[in-house]
């Protein structure tokens, strides 16, 4: 849900632009990288950082796509488009690593 022209609109993550403001409700995954423009919450960052304890976030703090908003309603200003989020970059790195197999691994498979 994005705030545009003072109204809430439901759009695809791929259609978000830098500077858009996204509403993230409690128990929702944060859809995009950005910073908190309004609100306060705790965020479960374990999918991205492995950190097991939720982190308190407030106005000005950065948040990452794929993490979980646990408590409060927050407004997140988009700082990266969908294909350039930290999560998207991690996926590309893993795909690249899987396609580039070590010589010893190729030999073992052979």
PDB file of N, CA and C in Angstrom:
ATOM      1  N   UNK A   1       0.862  -1.177   0.000  1.00  0.00           N
ATOM      2  CA  UNK A   1       0.000   0.000   0.000  1.00  0.00           C
ATOM      3  C   UNK A   1       0.902   1.230   0.000  1.00  0.00           C
ATOM      4  N   UNK A   2       0.746   2.074  -0.980  1.00  0.00           N
ATOM      5  CA  UNK A   2       1.558   3.273  -1.120  1.00  0.00           C
ATOM      6  C   UNK A   2       0.673   4.508  -0.951  1.00  0.00           C
ATOM      7  N   UNK A   3       1.244   5.557  -0.368  1.00  0.00           N
ATOM      8  CA  UNK A   3       0.530   6.832  -0.247  1.00  0.00           C
ATOM      9  C   UNK A   3       0.915   7.703  -1.445  1.00  0.00           C
ATOM     10  N   UNK A   4      -0.060   8.011  -2.288  1.00  0.00           N
ATOM     11  CA  UNK A   4       0.168   8.892  -3.431  1.00  0.00           C
ATOM     12  C   UNK A   4      -0.965   9.897  -3.493  1.00  0.00           C
ATOM     13  N   UNK A   5      -0.604  11.145  -3.599  1.00  0.00           N
ATOM     14  CA  UNK A   5      -1.584  12.231  -3.664  1.00  0.00           C
ATOM     15  C   UNK A   5      -2.557  12.190  -2.486  1.00  0.00           C
ATOM     16  N   UNK A   6      -2.053  11.802  -1.321  1.00  0.00           N
ATOM     17  CA  UNK A   6      -2.865  11.787  -0.111  1.00  0.00           C
ATOM     18  C   UNK A   6      -3.820  10.623   0.008  1.00  0.00           C
ATOM     19  N   UNK A   7      -3.757   9.663  -0.912  1.00  0.00           N
ATOM     20  CA  UNK A   7      -4.642   8.504  -0.847  1.00  0.00           C
ATOM     21  C   UNK A   7      -3.811   7.225  -0.809  1.00  0.00           C
ATOM     22  N   UNK A   8      -4.403   6.177  -0.240  1.00  0.00           N
ATOM     23  CA  UNK A   8      -3.758   4.875  -0.194  1.00  0.00           C
ATOM     24  C   UNK A   8      -4.095   4.106  -1.460  1.00  0.00           C
ATOM     25  N   UNK A   9      -3.067   3.581  -2.112  1.00  0.00           N
ATOM     26  CA  UNK A   9      -3.258   2.796  -3.328  1.00  0.00           C
ATOM     27  C   UNK A   9      -2.488   1.494  -3.200  1.00  0.00           C
ATOM     28  N   UNK A  10      -3.102   0.410  -3.616  1.00  0.00           N
ATOM     29  CA  UNK A  10      -2.426  -0.878  -3.620  1.00  0.00           C
ATOM     30  C   UNK A  10      -1.803  -1.076  -4.987  1.00  0.00           C
ATOM     31  N   UNK A  11      -0.476  -1.225  -5.006  1.00  0.00           N
ATOM     32  CA  UNK A  11       0.238  -1.417  -6.267  1.00  0.00           C
ATOM     33  C   UNK A  11       1.252  -2.542  -6.110  1.00  0.00           C
ATOM     34  N   UNK A  12       1.825  -2.962  -7.219  1.00  0.00           N
ATOM     35  CA  UNK A  12       2.862  -3.986  -7.193  1.00  0.00           C
ATOM     36  C   UNK A  12       4.176  -3.368  -6.725  1.00  0.00           C
ATOM     37  N   UNK A  13       4.999  -4.147  -6.050  1.00  0.00           N
ATOM     38  CA  UNK A  13       6.289  -3.667  -5.555  1.00  0.00           C
ATOM     39  C   UNK A  13       7.137  -3.162  -6.728  1.00  0.00           C
ATOM     40  N   UNK A  14       7.046  -3.829  -7.866  1.00  0.00           N
ATOM     41  CA  UNK A  14       7.830  -3.442  -9.035  1.00  0.00           C
ATOM     42  C   UNK A  14       7.479  -2.045  -9.538  1.00  0.00           C
ATOM     43  N   UNK A  15       6.298  -1.542  -9.167  1.00  0.00           N
ATOM     44  CA  UNK A  15       5.855  -0.220  -9.629  1.00  0.00           C
ATOM     45  C   UNK A  15       6.225   0.900  -8.669  1.00  0.00           C
ATOM     46  N   UNK A  16       6.866   0.567  -7.544  1.00  0.00           N
ATOM     47  CA  UNK A  16       7.287   1.602  -6.592  1.00  0.00           C
ATOM     48  C   UNK A  16       8.445   2.393  -7.167  1.00  0.00           C
ATOM     49  N   UNK A  17       8.483   3.674  -6.827  1.00  0.00           N
ATOM     50  CA  UNK A  17       9.559   4.555  -7.261  1.00  0.00           C
ATOM     51  C   UNK A  17      10.283   5.090  -6.030  1.00  0.00           C
ATOM     52  N   UNK A  18      11.526   5.477  -6.224  1.00  0.00           N
ATOM     53  CA  UNK A  18      12.279   6.085  -5.138  1.00  0.00           C
ATOM     54  C   UNK A  18      11.531   7.341  -4.692  1.00  0.00           C
ATOM     55  N   UNK A  19      11.366   7.464  -3.370  1.00  0.00           N
ATOM     56  CA  UNK A  19      10.636   8.596  -2.804  1.00  0.00           C
ATOM     57  C   UNK A  19       9.190   8.285  -2.457  1.00  0.00           C
ATOM     58  N   UNK A  20       8.643   7.181  -2.998  1.00  0.00           N
ATOM     59  CA  UNK A  20       7.277   6.778  -2.615  1.00  0.00           C
ATOM     60  C   UNK A  20       7.250   6.458  -1.129  1.00  0.00           C
ATOM     61  N   UNK A  21       6.075   6.599  -0.523  1.00  0.00           N
ATOM     62  CA  UNK A  21       5.896   6.268   0.890  1.00  0.00           C
ATOM     63  C   UNK A  21       4.960   5.071   0.988  1.00  0.00           C
ATOM     64  N   UNK A  22       5.469   3.992   1.596  1.00  0.00           N
ATOM     65  CA  UNK A  22       4.733   2.736   1.715  1.00  0.00           C
ATOM     66  C   UNK A  22       4.246   2.575   3.147  1.00  0.00           C
ATOM     67  N   UNK A  23       2.981   2.164   3.308  1.00  0.00           N
ATOM     68  CA  UNK A  23       2.432   1.842   4.630  1.00  0.00           C
ATOM     69  C   UNK A  23       2.695   0.374   4.919  1.00  0.00           C
ATOM     70  N   UNK A  24       3.291   0.096   6.081  1.00  0.00           N
ATOM     71  CA  UNK A  24       3.560  -1.285   6.474  1.00  0.00           C
ATOM     72  C   UNK A  24       2.875  -1.523   7.818  1.00  0.00           C
ATOM     73  N   UNK A  25       1.887  -2.406   7.799  1.00  0.00           N
ATOM     74  CA  UNK A  25       1.103  -2.716   8.999  1.00  0.00           C
ATOM     75  C   UNK A  25       1.825  -3.757   9.853  1.00  0.00           C
ATOM     76  N   UNK A  26       1.448  -3.854  11.135  1.00  0.00           N
ATOM     77  CA  UNK A  26       2.022  -4.896  11.993  1.00  0.00           C
ATOM     78  C   UNK A  26       1.808  -6.279  11.378  1.00  0.00           C
ATOM     79  N   UNK A  27       2.800  -7.145  11.504  1.00  0.00           N
ATOM     80  CA  UNK A  27       2.798  -8.517  10.985  1.00  0.00           C
ATOM     81  C   UNK A  27       2.987  -8.593   9.477  1.00  0.00           C
ATOM     82  N   UNK A  28       3.215  -7.472   8.801  1.00  0.00           N
ATOM     83  CA  UNK A  28       3.479  -7.475   7.362  1.00  0.00           C
ATOM     84  C   UNK A  28       4.981  -7.511   7.109  1.00  0.00           C
ATOM     85  N   UNK A  29       5.358  -8.125   6.002  1.00  0.00           N
ATOM     86  CA  UNK A  29       6.752  -8.067   5.551  1.00  0.00           C
ATOM     87  C   UNK A  29       6.990  -6.694   4.942  1.00  0.00           C
ATOM     88  N   UNK A  30       8.167  -6.163   5.197  1.00  0.00           N
ATOM     89  CA  UNK A  30       8.534  -4.882   4.601  1.00  0.00           C
ATOM     90  C   UNK A  30       8.890  -5.167   3.146  1.00  0.00           C
ATOM     91  N   UNK A  31       8.211  -4.509   2.193  1.00  0.00           N
ATOM     92  CA  UNK A  31       8.351  -4.890   0.785  1.00  0.00           C
ATOM     93  C   UNK A  31       9.553  -4.294   0.056  1.00  0.00           C
ATOM     94  N   UNK A  32      10.213  -3.303   0.652  1.00  0.00           N
ATOM     95  CA  UNK A  32      11.217  -2.544  -0.097  1.00  0.00           C
ATOM     96  C   UNK A  32      12.232  -1.952   0.872  1.00  0.00           C
ATOM     97  N   UNK A  33      13.432  -1.694   0.401  1.00  0.00           N
ATOM     98  CA  UNK A  33      14.431  -1.008   1.229  1.00  0.00           C
ATOM     99  C   UNK A  33      14.055   0.465   1.357  1.00  0.00           C
ATOM    100  N   UNK A  34      14.241   1.008   2.544  1.00  0.00           N
ATOM    101  CA  UNK A  34      13.938   2.419   2.745  1.00  0.00           C
ATOM    102  C   UNK A  34      14.253   2.837   4.162  1.00  0.00           C
ATOM    103  N   UNK A  35      13.695   3.976   4.545  1.00  0.00           N
ATOM    104  CA  UNK A  35      13.845   4.427   5.923  1.00  0.00           C
ATOM    105  C   UNK A  35      12.484   4.821   6.472  1.00  0.00           C
ATOM    106  N   UNK A  36      12.362   4.725   7.789  1.00  0.00           N
ATOM    107  CA  UNK A  36      11.082   5.026   8.433  1.00  0.00           C
ATOM    108  C   UNK A  36      10.879   6.531   8.439  1.00  0.00           C
ATOM    109  N   UNK A  37       9.797   6.926   7.839  1.00  0.00           N
ATOM    110  CA  UNK A  37       9.438   8.340   7.762  1.00  0.00           C
ATOM    111  C   UNK A  37       8.500   8.731   8.898  1.00  0.00           C
ATOM    112  N   UNK A  38       7.690   7.758   9.340  1.00  0.00           N
ATOM    113  CA  UNK A  38       6.731   8.022  10.411  1.00  0.00           C
ATOM    114  C   UNK A  38       6.425   6.696  11.106  1.00  0.00           C
ATOM    115  N   UNK A  39       6.380   6.729  12.439  1.00  0.00           N
ATOM    116  CA  UNK A  39       6.023   5.544  13.213  1.00  0.00           C
ATOM    117  C   UNK A  39       7.199   4.975  13.972  1.00  0.00           C
ATOM    118  N   UNK A  40       6.880   3.949  14.730  1.00  0.00           N
ATOM    119  CA  UNK A  40       7.870   3.269  15.577  1.00  0.00           C
ATOM    120  C   UNK A  40       7.447   1.807  15.670  1.00  0.00           C
ATOM    121  N   UNK A  41       8.430   0.897  15.672  1.00  0.00           N
ATOM    122  CA  UNK A  41       8.114  -0.523  15.681  1.00  0.00           C
ATOM    123  C   UNK A  41       9.327  -1.335  16.105  1.00  0.00           C
ATOM    124  N   UNK A  42       9.158  -2.647  16.127  1.00  0.00           N
ATOM    125  CA  UNK A  42      10.286  -3.562  16.193  1.00  0.00           C
ATOM    126  C   UNK A  42      10.243  -4.383  14.905  1.00  0.00           C
ATOM    127  N   UNK A  43      11.429  -4.734  14.414  1.00  0.00           N
ATOM    128  CA  UNK A  43      11.526  -5.440  13.146  1.00  0.00           C
ATOM    129  C   UNK A  43      12.325  -6.724  13.349  1.00  0.00           C
ATOM    130  N   UNK A  44      11.759  -7.833  12.877  1.00  0.00           N
ATOM    131  CA  UNK A  44      12.459  -9.108  12.878  1.00  0.00           C
ATOM    132  C   UNK A  44      13.334  -9.128  11.625  1.00  0.00           C
ATOM    133  N   UNK A  45      14.646  -8.968  11.816  1.00  0.00           N
ATOM    134  CA  UNK A  45      15.582  -8.913  10.696  1.00  0.00           C
ATOM    135  C   UNK A  45      16.265 -10.250  10.436  1.00  0.00           C
ATOM    136  N   UNK A  46      15.824 -11.294  11.136  1.00  0.00           N
ATOM    137  CA  UNK A  46      16.504 -12.581  11.032  1.00  0.00           C
ATOM    138  C   UNK A  46      16.589 -13.129   9.606  1.00  0.00           C
ATOM    139  N   UNK A  47      15.600 -12.925   8.730  1.00  0.00           N
ATOM    140  CA  UNK A  47      15.761 -13.447   7.368  1.00  0.00           C
ATOM    141  C   UNK A  47      16.946 -12.822   6.625  1.00  0.00           C
ATOM    142  N   UNK A  48      17.320 -11.607   6.989  1.00  0.00           N
ATOM    143  CA  UNK A  48      18.400 -10.912   6.288  1.00  0.00           C
ATOM    144  C   UNK A  48      19.726 -10.948   7.034  1.00  0.00           C
ATOM    145  N   UNK A  49      19.686 -10.836   8.349  1.00  0.00           N
ATOM    146  CA  UNK A  49      20.924 -10.690   9.120  1.00  0.00           C
ATOM    147  C   UNK A  49      21.234 -11.886  10.003  1.00  0.00           C
ATOM    148  N   UNK A  50      20.236 -12.732  10.246  1.00  0.00           N
ATOM    149  CA  UNK A  50      20.417 -13.847  11.160  1.00  0.00           C
ATOM    150  C   UNK A  50      20.289 -13.441  12.613  1.00  0.00           C
ATOM    151  N   UNK A  51      20.077 -12.152  12.849  1.00  0.00           N
ATOM    152  CA  UNK A  51      19.938 -11.642  14.213  1.00  0.00           C
ATOM    153  C   UNK A  51      18.630 -12.160  14.799  1.00  0.00           C
ATOM    154  N   UNK A  52      18.722 -12.842  15.943  1.00  0.00           N
ATOM    155  CA  UNK A  52      17.543 -13.520  16.492  1.00  0.00           C
ATOM    156  C   UNK A  52      16.630 -12.605  17.305  1.00  0.00           C
ATOM    157  N   UNK A  53      17.128 -11.467  17.743  1.00  0.00           N
ATOM    158  CA  UNK A  53      16.335 -10.563  18.574  1.00  0.00           C
ATOM    159  C   UNK A  53      15.801  -9.425  17.708  1.00  0.00           C
ATOM    160  N   UNK A  54      14.488  -9.162  17.775  1.00  0.00           N
ATOM    161  CA  UNK A  54      13.934  -8.039  17.007  1.00  0.00           C
ATOM    162  C   UNK A  54      14.618  -6.713  17.377  1.00  0.00           C
ATOM    163  N   UNK A  55      14.719  -5.830  16.399  1.00  0.00           N
ATOM    164  CA  UNK A  55      15.405  -4.565  16.576  1.00  0.00           C
ATOM    165  C   UNK A  55      14.377  -3.436  16.592  1.00  0.00           C
ATOM    166  N   UNK A  56      14.510  -2.532  17.562  1.00  0.00           N
ATOM    167  CA  UNK A  56      13.619  -1.375  17.615  1.00  0.00           C
ATOM    168  C   UNK A  56      13.985  -0.406  16.508  1.00  0.00           C
ATOM    169  N   UNK A  57      12.960   0.118  15.836  1.00  0.00           N
ATOM    170  CA  UNK A  57      13.149   1.067  14.742  1.00  0.00           C
ATOM    171  C   UNK A  57      12.245   2.270  14.974  1.00  0.00           C
ATOM    172  N   UNK A  58      12.762   3.433  14.598  1.00  0.00           N
ATOM    173  CA  UNK A  58      11.989   4.672  14.732  1.00  0.00           C
ATOM    174  C   UNK A  58      12.287   5.563  13.534  1.00  0.00           C
ATOM    175  N   UNK A  59      11.715   6.748  13.524  1.00  0.00           N
ATOM    176  CA  UNK A  59      11.869   7.682  12.408  1.00  0.00           C
ATOM    177  C   UNK A  59      13.355   7.870  12.090  1.00  0.00           C
ATOM    178  N   UNK A  60      13.687   7.721  10.808  1.00  0.00           N
ATOM    179  CA  UNK A  60      15.053   7.897  10.332  1.00  0.00           C
ATOM    180  C   UNK A  60      15.848   6.619  10.212  1.00  0.00           C
ATOM    181  N   UNK A  61      15.394   5.534  10.852  1.00  0.00           N
ATOM    182  CA  UNK A  61      16.110   4.263  10.786  1.00  0.00           C
ATOM    183  C   UNK A  61      15.825   3.567   9.449  1.00  0.00           C
ATOM    184  N   UNK A  62      16.827   2.847   8.957  1.00  0.00           N
ATOM    185  CA  UNK A  62      16.648   2.120   7.701  1.00  0.00           C
ATOM    186  C   UNK A  62      16.005   0.761   7.965  1.00  0.00           C
ATOM    187  N   UNK A  63      15.281   0.272   6.963  1.00  0.00           N
ATOM    188  CA  UNK A  63      14.659  -1.047   7.005  1.00  0.00           C
ATOM    189  C   UNK A  63      14.943  -1.740   5.671  1.00  0.00           C
ATOM    190  N   UNK A  64      14.931  -3.071   5.701  1.00  0.00           N
ATOM    191  CA  UNK A  64      15.259  -3.852   4.523  1.00  0.00           C
ATOM    192  C   UNK A  64      14.069  -4.671   4.048  1.00  0.00           C
ATOM    193  N   UNK A  65      13.968  -4.819   2.735  1.00  0.00           N
ATOM    194  CA  UNK A  65      12.938  -5.681   2.148  1.00  0.00           C
ATOM    195  C   UNK A  65      13.117  -7.094   2.674  1.00  0.00           C
ATOM    196  N   UNK A  66      12.004  -7.776   2.933  1.00  0.00           N
ATOM    197  CA  UNK A  66      12.045  -9.154   3.401  1.00  0.00           C
ATOM    198  C   UNK A  66      12.043  -9.308   4.901  1.00  0.00           C
ATOM    199  N   UNK A  67      12.187  -8.197   5.637  1.00  0.00           N
ATOM    200  CA  UNK A  67      12.133  -8.271   7.097  1.00  0.00           C
ATOM    201  C   UNK A  67      10.678  -8.098   7.545  1.00  0.00           C
ATOM    202  N   UNK A  68      10.405  -8.408   8.801  1.00  0.00           N
ATOM    203  CA  UNK A  68       9.027  -8.441   9.289  1.00  0.00           C
ATOM    204  C   UNK A  68       8.760  -7.326  10.295  1.00  0.00           C
ATOM    205  N   UNK A  69       7.771  -6.489   9.990  1.00  0.00           N
ATOM    206  CA  UNK A  69       7.320  -5.450  10.916  1.00  0.00           C
ATOM    207  C   UNK A  69       6.491  -6.132  11.995  1.00  0.00           C
ATOM    208  N   UNK A  70       6.884  -5.984  13.245  1.00  0.00           N
ATOM    209  CA  UNK A  70       6.203  -6.734  14.297  1.00  0.00           C
ATOM    210  C   UNK A  70       5.122  -5.970  15.039  1.00  0.00           C
ATOM    211  N   UNK A  71       5.292  -4.680  15.290  1.00  0.00           N
ATOM    212  CA  UNK A  71       4.364  -4.029  16.208  1.00  0.00           C
ATOM    213  C   UNK A  71       3.553  -2.891  15.624  1.00  0.00           C
ATOM    214  N   UNK A  72       4.190  -1.826  15.220  1.00  0.00           N
ATOM    215  CA  UNK A  72       3.458  -0.616  14.881  1.00  0.00           C
ATOM    216  C   UNK A  72       3.290  -0.388  13.399  1.00  0.00           C
ATOM    217  N   UNK A  73       2.334   0.464  13.059  1.00  0.00           N
ATOM    218  CA  UNK A  73       2.147   0.915  11.690  1.00  0.00           C
ATOM    219  C   UNK A  73       3.273   1.898  11.372  1.00  0.00           C
ATOM    220  N   UNK A  74       3.989   1.648  10.291  1.00  0.00           N
ATOM    221  CA  UNK A  74       5.078   2.545   9.902  1.00  0.00           C
ATOM    222  C   UNK A  74       4.903   3.002   8.465  1.00  0.00           C
ATOM    223  N   UNK A  75       5.455   4.172   8.182  1.00  0.00           N
ATOM    224  CA  UNK A  75       5.530   4.678   6.819  1.00  0.00           C
ATOM    225  C   UNK A  75       6.997   4.605   6.411  1.00  0.00           C
ATOM    226  N   UNK A  76       7.260   3.927   5.299  1.00  0.00           N
ATOM    227  CA  UNK A  76       8.628   3.722   4.831  1.00  0.00           C
ATOM    228  C   UNK A  76       8.808   4.454   3.510  1.00  0.00           C
ATOM    229  N   UNK A  77       9.814   5.337   3.453  1.00  0.00           N
ATOM    230  CA  UNK A  77      10.139   6.012   2.206  1.00  0.00           C
ATOM    231  C   UNK A  77      11.111   5.134   1.422  1.00  0.00           C
ATOM    232  N   UNK A  78      10.776   4.880   0.176  1.00  0.00           N
ATOM    233  CA  UNK A  78      11.551   3.992  -0.685  1.00  0.00           C
ATOM    234  C   UNK A  78      12.893   4.635  -1.042  1.00  0.00           C
ATOM    235  N   UNK A  79      13.990   3.881  -0.840  1.00  0.00           N
ATOM    236  CA  UNK A  79      15.323   4.366  -1.216  1.00  0.00           C
ATOM    237  C   UNK A  79      15.950   3.539  -2.339  1.00  0.00           C
ATOM    238  N   UNK A  80      15.394   2.354  -2.614  1.00  0.00           N
ATOM    239  CA  UNK A  80      15.879   1.512  -3.713  1.00  0.00           C
ATOM    240  C   UNK A  80      14.687   0.876  -4.406  1.00  0.00           C
ATOM    241  N   UNK A  81      14.741   0.783  -5.723  1.00  0.00           N
ATOM    242  CA  UNK A  81      13.667   0.127  -6.464  1.00  0.00           C
ATOM    243  C   UNK A  81      13.750  -1.382  -6.235  1.00  0.00           C
ATOM    244  N   UNK A  82      12.684  -2.097  -6.594  1.00  0.00           N
ATOM    245  CA  UNK A  82      12.555  -3.518  -6.263  1.00  0.00           C
ATOM    246  C   UNK A  82      13.741  -4.360  -6.720  1.00  0.00           C
ATOM    247  N   UNK A  83      14.260  -4.162  -7.900  1.00  0.00           N
ATOM    248  CA  UNK A  83      15.354  -4.983  -8.405  1.00  0.00           C
ATOM    249  C   UNK A  83      16.703  -4.675  -7.781  1.00  0.00           C
ATOM    250  N   UNK A  84      16.793  -3.625  -6.985  1.00  0.00           N
ATOM    251  CA  UNK A  84      18.065  -3.215  -6.393  1.00  0.00           C
ATOM    252  C   UNK A  84      18.088  -3.313  -4.871  1.00  0.00           C
ATOM    253  N   UNK A  85      17.087  -3.941  -4.265  1.00  0.00           N
ATOM    254  CA  UNK A  85      17.064  -4.075  -2.808  1.00  0.00           C
ATOM    255  C   UNK A  85      18.191  -4.994  -2.350  1.00  0.00           C
ATOM    256  N   UNK A  86      18.502  -4.936  -1.093  1.00  0.00           N
ATOM    257  CA  UNK A  86      19.534  -5.802  -0.520  1.00  0.00           C
ATOM    258  C   UNK A  86      19.168  -7.263  -0.741  1.00  0.00           C
ATOM    259  N   UNK A  87      17.894  -7.606  -0.579  1.00  0.00           N
ATOM    260  CA  UNK A  87      17.432  -8.981  -0.787  1.00  0.00           C
ATOM    261  C   UNK A  87      17.654  -9.410  -2.233  1.00  0.00           C
ATOM    262  N   UNK A  88      17.311  -8.561  -3.193  1.00  0.00           N
ATOM    263  CA  UNK A  88      17.492  -8.896  -4.612  1.00  0.00           C
ATOM    264  C   UNK A  88      18.969  -9.099  -4.939  1.00  0.00           C
ATOM    265  N   UNK A  89      19.831  -8.271  -4.370  1.00  0.00           N
ATOM    266  CA  UNK A  89      21.267  -8.409  -4.618  1.00  0.00           C
ATOM    267  C   UNK A  89      21.804  -9.707  -4.017  1.00  0.00           C
ATOM    268  N   UNK A  90      21.304 -10.089  -2.825  1.00  0.00           N
ATOM    269  CA  UNK A  90      21.728 -11.346  -2.203  1.00  0.00           C
ATOM    270  C   UNK A  90      21.317 -12.537  -3.065  1.00  0.00           C
ATOM    271  N   UNK A  91      20.112 -12.498  -3.608  1.00  0.00           N
ATOM    272  CA  UNK A  91      19.626 -13.582  -4.470  1.00  0.00           C
ATOM    273  C   UNK A  91      20.523 -13.713  -5.694  1.00  0.00           C
ATOM    274  N   UNK A  92      20.880 -12.573  -6.313  1.00  0.00           N
ATOM    275  CA  UNK A  92      21.762 -12.618  -7.487  1.00  0.00           C
ATOM    276  C   UNK A  92      23.138 -13.198  -7.140  1.00  0.00           C
ATOM    277  N   UNK A  93      23.675 -12.834  -5.975  1.00  0.00           N
ATOM    278  CA  UNK A  93      24.973 -13.365  -5.565  1.00  0.00           C
ATOM    279  C   UNK A  93      24.928 -14.877  -5.362  1.00  0.00           C
ATOM    280  N   UNK A  94      23.857 -15.370  -4.740  1.00  0.00           N
ATOM    281  CA  UNK A  94      23.720 -16.815  -4.518  1.00  0.00           C
ATOM    282  C   UNK A  94      23.575 -17.535  -5.853  1.00  0.00           C
ATOM    283  N   UNK A  95      22.774 -16.986  -6.763  1.00  0.00           N
ATOM    284  CA  UNK A  95      22.614 -17.615  -8.079  1.00  0.00           C
ATOM    285  C   UNK A  95      23.949 -17.678  -8.812  1.00  0.00           C
ATOM    286  N   UNK A  96      24.703 -16.600  -8.738  1.00  0.00           N
ATOM    287  CA  UNK A  96      26.008 -16.564  -9.393  1.00  0.00           C
ATOM    288  C   UNK A  96      26.950 -17.594  -8.772  1.00  0.00           C
ATOM    289  N   UNK A  97      26.956 -17.671  -7.460  1.00  0.00           N
ATOM    290  CA  UNK A  97      27.830 -18.624  -6.766  1.00  0.00           C
ATOM    291  C   UNK A  97      27.472 -20.061  -7.130  1.00  0.00           C
ATOM    292  N   UNK A  98      26.190 -20.333  -7.291  1.00  0.00           N
ATOM    293  CA  UNK A  98      25.771 -21.687  -7.639  1.00  0.00           C
ATOM    294  C   UNK A  98      26.133 -22.036  -9.078  1.00  0.00           C
ATOM    295  N   UNK A  99      26.163 -21.047  -9.946  1.00  0.00           N
ATOM    296  CA  UNK A  99      26.497 -21.314 -11.345  1.00  0.00           C
ATOM    297  C   UNK A  99      28.008 -21.442 -11.549  1.00  0.00           C
ATOM    298  N   UNK A 100      28.795 -20.862 -10.659  1.00  0.00           N
ATOM    299  CA  UNK A 100      30.254 -20.920 -10.739  1.00  0.00           C
ATOM    300  C   UNK A 100      30.764 -21.981  -9.756  1.00  0.00           C
ATOM    301  N   UNK A 101      30.845 -23.196 -10.205  1.00  0.00           N
ATOM    302  CA  UNK A 101      31.266 -24.270  -9.313  1.00  0.00           C
ATOM    303  C   UNK A 101      32.778 -24.425  -9.341  1.00  0.00           C
ATOM    304  N   UNK A 102      33.338 -24.761  -8.232  1.00  0.00           N
ATOM    305  CA  UNK A 102      34.777 -24.950  -8.104  1.00  0.00           C
ATOM    306  C   UNK A 102      35.223 -26.153  -8.940  1.00  0.00           C
ATOM    307  N   UNK A 103      36.494 -26.130  -9.352  1.00  0.00           N
ATOM    308  CA  UNK A 103      37.037 -27.227 -10.159  1.00  0.00           C
ATOM    309  C   UNK A 103      36.925 -28.558  -9.420  1.00  0.00           C
ATOM    310  N   UNK A 104      37.192 -28.563  -8.112  1.00  0.00           N
ATOM    311  CA  UNK A 104      37.098 -29.812  -7.341  1.00  0.00           C
ATOM    312  C   UNK A 104      35.661 -30.327  -7.306  1.00  0.00           C
ATOM    313  N   UNK A 105      34.706 -29.420  -7.243  1.00  0.00           N
ATOM    314  CA  UNK A 105      33.303 -29.841  -7.231  1.00  0.00           C
ATOM    315  C   UNK A 105      32.915 -30.399  -8.596  1.00  0.00           C
ATOM    316  N   UNK A 106      33.395 -29.788  -9.671  1.00  0.00           N
ATOM    317  CA  UNK A 106      33.118 -30.301 -11.016  1.00  0.00           C
ATOM    318  C   UNK A 106      33.730 -31.696 -11.193  1.00  0.00           C
ATOM    319  N   UNK A 107      34.953 -31.867 -10.696  1.00  0.00           N
ATOM    320  CA  UNK A 107      35.614 -33.162 -10.786  1.00  0.00           C
ATOM    321  C   UNK A 107      34.839 -34.227 -10.013  1.00  0.00           C
ATOM    322  N   UNK A 108      34.384 -33.866  -8.812  1.00  0.00           N
ATOM    323  CA  UNK A 108      33.622 -34.809  -7.998  1.00  0.00           C
ATOM    324  C   UNK A 108      32.333 -35.215  -8.700  1.00  0.00           C
ATOM    325  N   UNK A 109      31.655 -34.240  -9.283  1.00  0.00           N
ATOM    326  CA  UNK A 109      30.422 -34.543 -10.021  1.00  0.00           C
ATOM    327  C   UNK A 109      30.698 -35.440 -11.214  1.00  0.00           C
ATOM    328  N   UNK A 110      31.830 -35.218 -11.883  1.00  0.00           N
ATOM    329  CA  UNK A 110      32.198 -36.016 -13.048  1.00  0.00           C
ATOM    330  C   UNK A 110      32.424 -37.448 -12.636  1.00  0.00           C
TER     331      UNK A 110
END
